[in-house]
Amino acid sequence: MNEHTSEPAGEQANGPSGEEPAYRVVRNDEEQYSIWWAGRELPVGWHAEGTEGTREDCLAHIDTVWTDLRPLSLRRRMAEAVSGS
């Protein structure tokens, strides 16, 4: 899986009919986001977040919800360090 601004690995932007395919927003256990083609099996470790639409719609949604780019495990460690001080 590429970064959230990239196409799913090895895929082209348009389907065989020239229409833009539907995408879905996916998230891993570290709460990192990406997009993946709707209808395709997700890579191991990634889960559908619930948002589907055009590539632009999905990326706009990610820009709204993914405000802290630090992985979840890092955020937790940092919170523990602050609370343990």
C-alpha atoms as a PDB file:
ATOM      1  CA  MET A   1       0.000   0.000   0.000  1.00  0.00           C
ATOM      2  CA  ASN A   2       1.349   3.381  -0.940  1.00  0.00           C
ATOM      3  CA  GLU A   3       1.006   6.590   1.050  1.00  0.00           C
ATOM      4  CA  HIS A   4      -2.485   8.069   1.197  1.00  0.00           C
ATOM      5  CA  THR A   5      -1.808  10.326  -1.785  1.00  0.00           C
ATOM      6  CA  SER A   6      -0.885   7.441  -4.079  1.00  0.00           C
ATOM      7  CA  GLU A   7      -2.820   4.908  -6.068  1.00  0.00           C
ATOM      8  CA  PRO A   8      -3.101   1.367  -4.723  1.00  0.00           C
ATOM      9  CA  ALA A   9       0.102  -0.417  -5.674  1.00  0.00           C
ATOM     10  CA  GLY A  10       0.222  -1.529  -9.294  1.00  0.00           C
ATOM     11  CA  GLU A  11      -3.125  -0.022 -10.317  1.00  0.00           C
ATOM     12  CA  GLN A  12      -4.026   2.507 -12.978  1.00  0.00           C
ATOM     13  CA  ALA A  13      -6.163   5.594 -12.345  1.00  0.00           C
ATOM     14  CA  ASN A  14      -9.052   4.502 -14.616  1.00  0.00           C
ATOM     15  CA  GLY A  15     -10.869   1.249 -15.189  1.00  0.00           C
ATOM     16  CA  PRO A  16     -11.289  -0.422 -18.582  1.00  0.00           C
ATOM     17  CA  SER A  17     -14.243   1.805 -19.554  1.00  0.00           C
ATOM     18  CA  GLY A  18     -12.301   4.986 -18.747  1.00  0.00           C
ATOM     19  CA  GLU A  19     -14.484   5.727 -15.735  1.00  0.00           C
ATOM     20  CA  GLU A  20     -12.862   6.508 -12.421  1.00  0.00           C
ATOM     21  CA  PRO A  21     -13.198   3.525 -10.094  1.00  0.00           C
ATOM     22  CA  ALA A  22     -14.695   3.804  -6.625  1.00  0.00           C
ATOM     23  CA  TYR A  23     -12.242   3.934  -3.754  1.00  0.00           C
ATOM     24  CA  ARG A  24     -12.535   3.252  -0.062  1.00  0.00           C
ATOM     25  CA  VAL A  25     -10.709   4.758   2.873  1.00  0.00           C
ATOM     26  CA  VAL A  26      -8.728   2.163   4.803  1.00  0.00           C
ATOM     27  CA  ARG A  27      -6.932   2.321   8.135  1.00  0.00           C
ATOM     28  CA  ASN A  28      -4.394   0.055   9.802  1.00  0.00           C
ATOM     29  CA  ASP A  29      -3.979  -0.813  13.483  1.00  0.00           C
ATOM     30  CA  GLU A  30      -1.599   2.147  13.899  1.00  0.00           C
ATOM     31  CA  GLU A  31      -4.451   4.440  12.742  1.00  0.00           C
ATOM     32  CA  GLN A  32      -2.656   5.341   9.527  1.00  0.00           C
ATOM     33  CA  TYR A  33      -4.934   5.991   6.552  1.00  0.00           C
ATOM     34  CA  SER A  34      -4.771   5.205   2.859  1.00  0.00           C
ATOM     35  CA  ILE A  35      -7.103   4.569  -0.067  1.00  0.00           C
ATOM     36  CA  TRP A  36      -7.829   1.300  -1.813  1.00  0.00           C
ATOM     37  CA  TRP A  37     -10.067   0.324  -4.704  1.00  0.00           C
ATOM     38  CA  ALA A  38     -13.575  -0.540  -3.534  1.00  0.00           C
ATOM     39  CA  GLY A  39     -14.391  -4.148  -4.279  1.00  0.00           C
ATOM     40  CA  ARG A  40     -10.782  -5.307  -4.032  1.00  0.00           C
ATOM     41  CA  GLU A  41      -9.585  -7.494  -1.188  1.00  0.00           C
ATOM     42  CA  LEU A  42      -7.714  -5.406   1.351  1.00  0.00           C
ATOM     43  CA  PRO A  43      -4.069  -6.078   2.138  1.00  0.00           C
ATOM     44  CA  VAL A  44      -3.352  -7.826   5.428  1.00  0.00           C
ATOM     45  CA  GLY A  45      -3.451  -5.392   8.332  1.00  0.00           C
ATOM     46  CA  TRP A  46      -5.747  -2.842   6.650  1.00  0.00           C
ATOM     47  CA  HIS A  47      -9.455  -2.391   7.420  1.00  0.00           C
ATOM     48  CA  ALA A  48     -12.250  -0.497   5.658  1.00  0.00           C
ATOM     49  CA  GLU A  49     -12.922   2.728   7.551  1.00  0.00           C
ATOM     50  CA  GLY A  50     -16.426   3.136   6.112  1.00  0.00           C
ATOM     51  CA  THR A  51     -15.946   5.938   3.571  1.00  0.00           C
ATOM     52  CA  GLU A  52     -16.209   5.220  -0.161  1.00  0.00           C
ATOM     53  CA  GLY A  53     -16.305   7.486  -3.206  1.00  0.00           C
ATOM     54  CA  THR A  54     -14.048   9.101  -5.748  1.00  0.00           C
ATOM     55  CA  ARG A  55     -10.326   9.285  -5.160  1.00  0.00           C
ATOM     56  CA  GLU A  56     -10.636  13.005  -4.434  1.00  0.00           C
ATOM     57  CA  ASP A  57     -13.517  12.484  -1.967  1.00  0.00           C
ATOM     58  CA  CYS A  58     -11.599   9.797  -0.098  1.00  0.00           C
ATOM     59  CA  LEU A  59      -8.416  11.879   0.071  1.00  0.00           C
ATOM     60  CA  ALA A  60     -10.418  14.887   1.294  1.00  0.00           C
ATOM     61  CA  HIS A  61     -11.923  12.717   4.030  1.00  0.00           C
ATOM     62  CA  ILE A  62      -8.455  11.509   5.060  1.00  0.00           C
ATOM     63  CA  ASP A  63      -7.250  15.122   5.231  1.00  0.00           C
ATOM     64  CA  THR A  64     -10.122  15.831   7.637  1.00  0.00           C
ATOM     65  CA  VAL A  65      -9.793  12.828   9.960  1.00  0.00           C
ATOM     66  CA  TRP A  66      -6.046  12.108   9.939  1.00  0.00           C
ATOM     67  CA  THR A  67      -4.813  15.171  11.765  1.00  0.00           C
ATOM     68  CA  ASP A  68      -2.045  13.505  13.792  1.00  0.00           C
ATOM     69  CA  LEU A  69       0.249  11.555  11.496  1.00  0.00           C
ATOM     70  CA  ARG A  70       2.122   9.865  14.340  1.00  0.00           C
ATOM     71  CA  PRO A  71       1.429   6.122  14.606  1.00  0.00           C
ATOM     72  CA  LEU A  72      -0.881   5.123  17.472  1.00  0.00           C
ATOM     73  CA  SER A  73       1.904   3.272  19.303  1.00  0.00           C
ATOM     74  CA  LEU A  74       4.052   6.428  19.344  1.00  0.00           C
ATOM     75  CA  ARG A  75       1.156   8.585  20.570  1.00  0.00           C
ATOM     76  CA  ARG A  76       0.532   6.115  23.394  1.00  0.00           C
ATOM     77  CA  ARG A  77       4.196   6.037  24.426  1.00  0.00           C
ATOM     78  CA  MET A  78       4.350   9.817  24.429  1.00  0.00           C
ATOM     79  CA  ALA A  79       1.171  10.050  26.542  1.00  0.00           C
ATOM     80  CA  GLU A  80       2.582   7.522  29.033  1.00  0.00           C
ATOM     81  CA  ALA A  81       5.803   9.523  29.276  1.00  0.00           C
ATOM     82  CA  VAL A  82       3.858  12.716  30.036  1.00  0.00           C
ATOM     83  CA  SER A  83       1.529  11.067  32.578  1.00  0.00           C
ATOM     84  CA  GLY A  84       4.434   9.240  34.221  1.00  0.00           C
ATOM     85  CA  SER A  85       6.383  12.460  34.783  1.00  0.00           C
END
